[in-house]
Amino acid sequence: MKMTIKNFRRGRRTQHTNQFVLIADSVDTKTKASALMGKKVEWKSPAGKLIQGKISRIHGDKGAVIARLEKGLPGTAIGGKITIKEKAVKKTAVKTKTTKPKDKK
């Protein structure tokens, strides 16, 4: 899933350069946004460097979320796309035991 980087998380006089407000087209309510909590996000720079982080909280009532990244992103990343990593499902082989029927005595 891809999300758009809307802006830095900021206050009136401060700006947190490693925290971003993210918006997705398919997420438009607070309950849908809460399903994204804790998921990992990745941003790939034009030079190929990968910066990772995770979604930490909900921002507002219209489905926006706050993501904390390990490093700050450049200001040119605003308006760009960030990728949410889906959790990989582990496929485990089911072992079946073949047992011989026991004789009753």
C-alpha atoms as a PDB file:
ATOM      1  CA  MET A   1       0.000   0.000   0.000  1.00  0.00           C
ATOM      2  CA  LYS A   2       1.283   3.471  -0.831  1.00  0.00           C
ATOM      3  CA  MET A   3       0.580   6.616   1.153  1.00  0.00           C
ATOM      4  CA  THR A   4       1.252  10.268   0.396  1.00  0.00           C
ATOM      5  CA  ILE A   5       3.542  12.300   2.662  1.00  0.00           C
ATOM      6  CA  LYS A   6       1.434  15.340   3.544  1.00  0.00           C
ATOM      7  CA  ASN A   7       3.711  17.334   5.854  1.00  0.00           C
ATOM      8  CA  PHE A   8       6.041  17.234   8.826  1.00  0.00           C
ATOM      9  CA  ARG A   9       4.389  16.822  12.208  1.00  0.00           C
ATOM     10  CA  ARG A  10       4.531  20.355  13.494  1.00  0.00           C
ATOM     11  CA  GLY A  11       3.273  22.840  15.993  1.00  0.00           C
ATOM     12  CA  ARG A  12       3.010  26.563  15.826  1.00  0.00           C
ATOM     13  CA  ARG A  13       6.740  27.161  16.183  1.00  0.00           C
ATOM     14  CA  THR A  14       8.301  23.710  15.992  1.00  0.00           C
ATOM     15  CA  GLN A  15       8.756  21.089  13.316  1.00  0.00           C
ATOM     16  CA  HIS A  16       9.628  17.435  13.979  1.00  0.00           C
ATOM     17  CA  THR A  17      11.748  16.410  11.019  1.00  0.00           C
ATOM     18  CA  ASN A  18      11.586  12.674  11.675  1.00  0.00           C
ATOM     19  CA  GLN A  19       7.766  12.552  12.048  1.00  0.00           C
ATOM     20  CA  PHE A  20       5.379  12.870   9.110  1.00  0.00           C
ATOM     21  CA  VAL A  21       1.648  13.073   8.485  1.00  0.00           C
ATOM     22  CA  LEU A  22       0.642  10.414   5.932  1.00  0.00           C
ATOM     23  CA  ILE A  23      -2.599  10.195   3.959  1.00  0.00           C
ATOM     24  CA  ALA A  24      -4.003   7.322   1.857  1.00  0.00           C
ATOM     25  CA  ASP A  25      -6.908   7.459  -0.568  1.00  0.00           C
ATOM     26  CA  SER A  26      -8.427   4.199   0.669  1.00  0.00           C
ATOM     27  CA  VAL A  27      -8.276   5.190   4.361  1.00  0.00           C
ATOM     28  CA  ASP A  28     -10.886   7.804   5.228  1.00  0.00           C
ATOM     29  CA  THR A  29     -11.990   7.034   8.798  1.00  0.00           C
ATOM     30  CA  LYS A  30     -10.374   6.798  12.196  1.00  0.00           C
ATOM     31  CA  THR A  31     -11.195   3.088  12.511  1.00  0.00           C
ATOM     32  CA  LYS A  32      -9.527   2.221   9.197  1.00  0.00           C
ATOM     33  CA  ALA A  33      -6.478   4.228  10.235  1.00  0.00           C
ATOM     34  CA  SER A  34      -6.236   2.376  13.545  1.00  0.00           C
ATOM     35  CA  ALA A  35      -5.688  -0.856  11.589  1.00  0.00           C
ATOM     36  CA  LEU A  36      -2.416   0.625  10.283  1.00  0.00           C
ATOM     37  CA  MET A  37      -0.943   1.255  13.744  1.00  0.00           C
ATOM     38  CA  GLY A  38       2.448  -0.381  14.240  1.00  0.00           C
ATOM     39  CA  LYS A  39       3.039  -1.211  10.572  1.00  0.00           C
ATOM     40  CA  LYS A  40       6.482  -0.610   9.089  1.00  0.00           C
ATOM     41  CA  VAL A  41       6.993   2.053   6.422  1.00  0.00           C
ATOM     42  CA  GLU A  42       9.816   2.605   3.929  1.00  0.00           C
ATOM     43  CA  TRP A  43      10.879   5.589   1.840  1.00  0.00           C
ATOM     44  CA  LYS A  44      13.395   5.159  -0.942  1.00  0.00           C
ATOM     45  CA  SER A  45      15.469   8.180  -1.902  1.00  0.00           C
ATOM     46  CA  PRO A  46      16.273   8.995  -5.522  1.00  0.00           C
ATOM     47  CA  ALA A  47      19.854   7.874  -4.758  1.00  0.00           C
ATOM     48  CA  GLY A  48      18.546   4.466  -3.640  1.00  0.00           C
ATOM     49  CA  LYS A  49      18.952   4.871   0.136  1.00  0.00           C
ATOM     50  CA  LEU A  50      16.209   3.240   2.189  1.00  0.00           C
ATOM     51  CA  ILE A  51      14.848   4.993   5.296  1.00  0.00           C
ATOM     52  CA  GLN A  52      12.533   2.960   7.530  1.00  0.00           C
ATOM     53  CA  GLY A  53      10.099   3.736  10.309  1.00  0.00           C
ATOM     54  CA  LYS A  54       6.704   2.790  11.671  1.00  0.00           C
ATOM     55  CA  ILE A  55       3.236   4.236  12.049  1.00  0.00           C
ATOM     56  CA  SER A  56       2.917   5.470  15.609  1.00  0.00           C
ATOM     57  CA  ARG A  57      -0.501   7.113  15.952  1.00  0.00           C
ATOM     58  CA  ILE A  58      -3.644   8.467  14.298  1.00  0.00           C
ATOM     59  CA  HIS A  59      -3.830  12.122  13.250  1.00  0.00           C
ATOM     60  CA  GLY A  60      -7.348  13.560  13.208  1.00  0.00           C
ATOM     61  CA  ASP A  61     -10.661  11.974  12.222  1.00  0.00           C
ATOM     62  CA  LYS A  62     -10.208  11.595   8.454  1.00  0.00           C
ATOM     63  CA  GLY A  63      -7.753   8.702   8.353  1.00  0.00           C
ATOM     64  CA  ALA A  64      -4.386  10.466   8.496  1.00  0.00           C
ATOM     65  CA  VAL A  65      -1.601   8.822  10.510  1.00  0.00           C
ATOM     66  CA  ILE A  66       1.733   9.890  12.008  1.00  0.00           C
ATOM     67  CA  ALA A  67       4.847   7.911  11.065  1.00  0.00           C
ATOM     68  CA  ARG A  68       8.159   8.110  12.920  1.00  0.00           C
ATOM     69  CA  LEU A  69      11.200   7.456  10.782  1.00  0.00           C
ATOM     70  CA  GLU A  70      14.702   6.568  11.939  1.00  0.00           C
ATOM     71  CA  LYS A  71      16.121   9.672  10.258  1.00  0.00           C
ATOM     72  CA  GLY A  72      14.520  12.789   8.933  1.00  0.00           C
ATOM     73  CA  LEU A  73      13.499  12.975   5.304  1.00  0.00           C
ATOM     74  CA  PRO A  74      14.385  15.906   3.079  1.00  0.00           C
ATOM     75  CA  GLY A  75      11.726  18.536   2.479  1.00  0.00           C
ATOM     76  CA  THR A  76      11.502  17.427  -1.139  1.00  0.00           C
ATOM     77  CA  ALA A  77       9.935  14.167   0.064  1.00  0.00           C
ATOM     78  CA  ILE A  78       6.720  16.023   0.965  1.00  0.00           C
ATOM     79  CA  GLY A  79       4.084  15.169  -1.607  1.00  0.00           C
ATOM     80  CA  GLY A  80       5.904  11.961  -2.521  1.00  0.00           C
ATOM     81  CA  LYS A  81       4.920   8.373  -1.822  1.00  0.00           C
ATOM     82  CA  ILE A  82       5.908   6.145   1.073  1.00  0.00           C
ATOM     83  CA  THR A  83       5.374   2.368   1.131  1.00  0.00           C
ATOM     84  CA  ILE A  84       3.714   0.389   3.915  1.00  0.00           C
ATOM     85  CA  LYS A  85       5.270  -3.043   4.274  1.00  0.00           C
ATOM     86  CA  GLU A  86       2.795  -5.853   4.616  1.00  0.00           C
ATOM     87  CA  LYS A  87       3.669  -8.491   7.150  1.00  0.00           C
ATOM     88  CA  ALA A  88       4.975 -11.606   5.469  1.00  0.00           C
ATOM     89  CA  VAL A  89       2.934 -14.692   6.181  1.00  0.00           C
ATOM     90  CA  LYS A  90       5.100 -17.610   7.130  1.00  0.00           C
ATOM     91  CA  LYS A  91       4.230 -20.803   5.389  1.00  0.00           C
ATOM     92  CA  THR A  92       4.899 -23.742   7.633  1.00  0.00           C
ATOM     93  CA  ALA A  93       4.795 -27.290   6.455  1.00  0.00           C
ATOM     94  CA  VAL A  94       2.329 -29.391   8.361  1.00  0.00           C
ATOM     95  CA  LYS A  95       3.919 -32.584   9.556  1.00  0.00           C
ATOM     96  CA  THR A  96       1.641 -35.553   9.719  1.00  0.00           C
ATOM     97  CA  LYS A  97       2.595 -38.509  11.784  1.00  0.00           C
ATOM     98  CA  THR A  98       1.824 -41.873  10.349  1.00  0.00           C
ATOM     99  CA  THR A  99       1.058 -44.232  13.156  1.00  0.00           C
ATOM    100  CA  LYS A 100       0.245 -47.882  12.996  1.00  0.00           C
ATOM    101  CA  PRO A 101      -3.074 -48.899  14.460  1.00  0.00           C
ATOM    102  CA  LYS A 102      -2.658 -50.465  17.880  1.00  0.00           C
ATOM    103  CA  ASP A 103      -3.881 -53.984  18.424  1.00  0.00           C
ATOM    104  CA  LYS A 104      -6.296 -54.396  21.266  1.00  0.00           C
ATOM    105  CA  LYS A 105      -5.460 -57.164  23.709  1.00  0.00           C
END
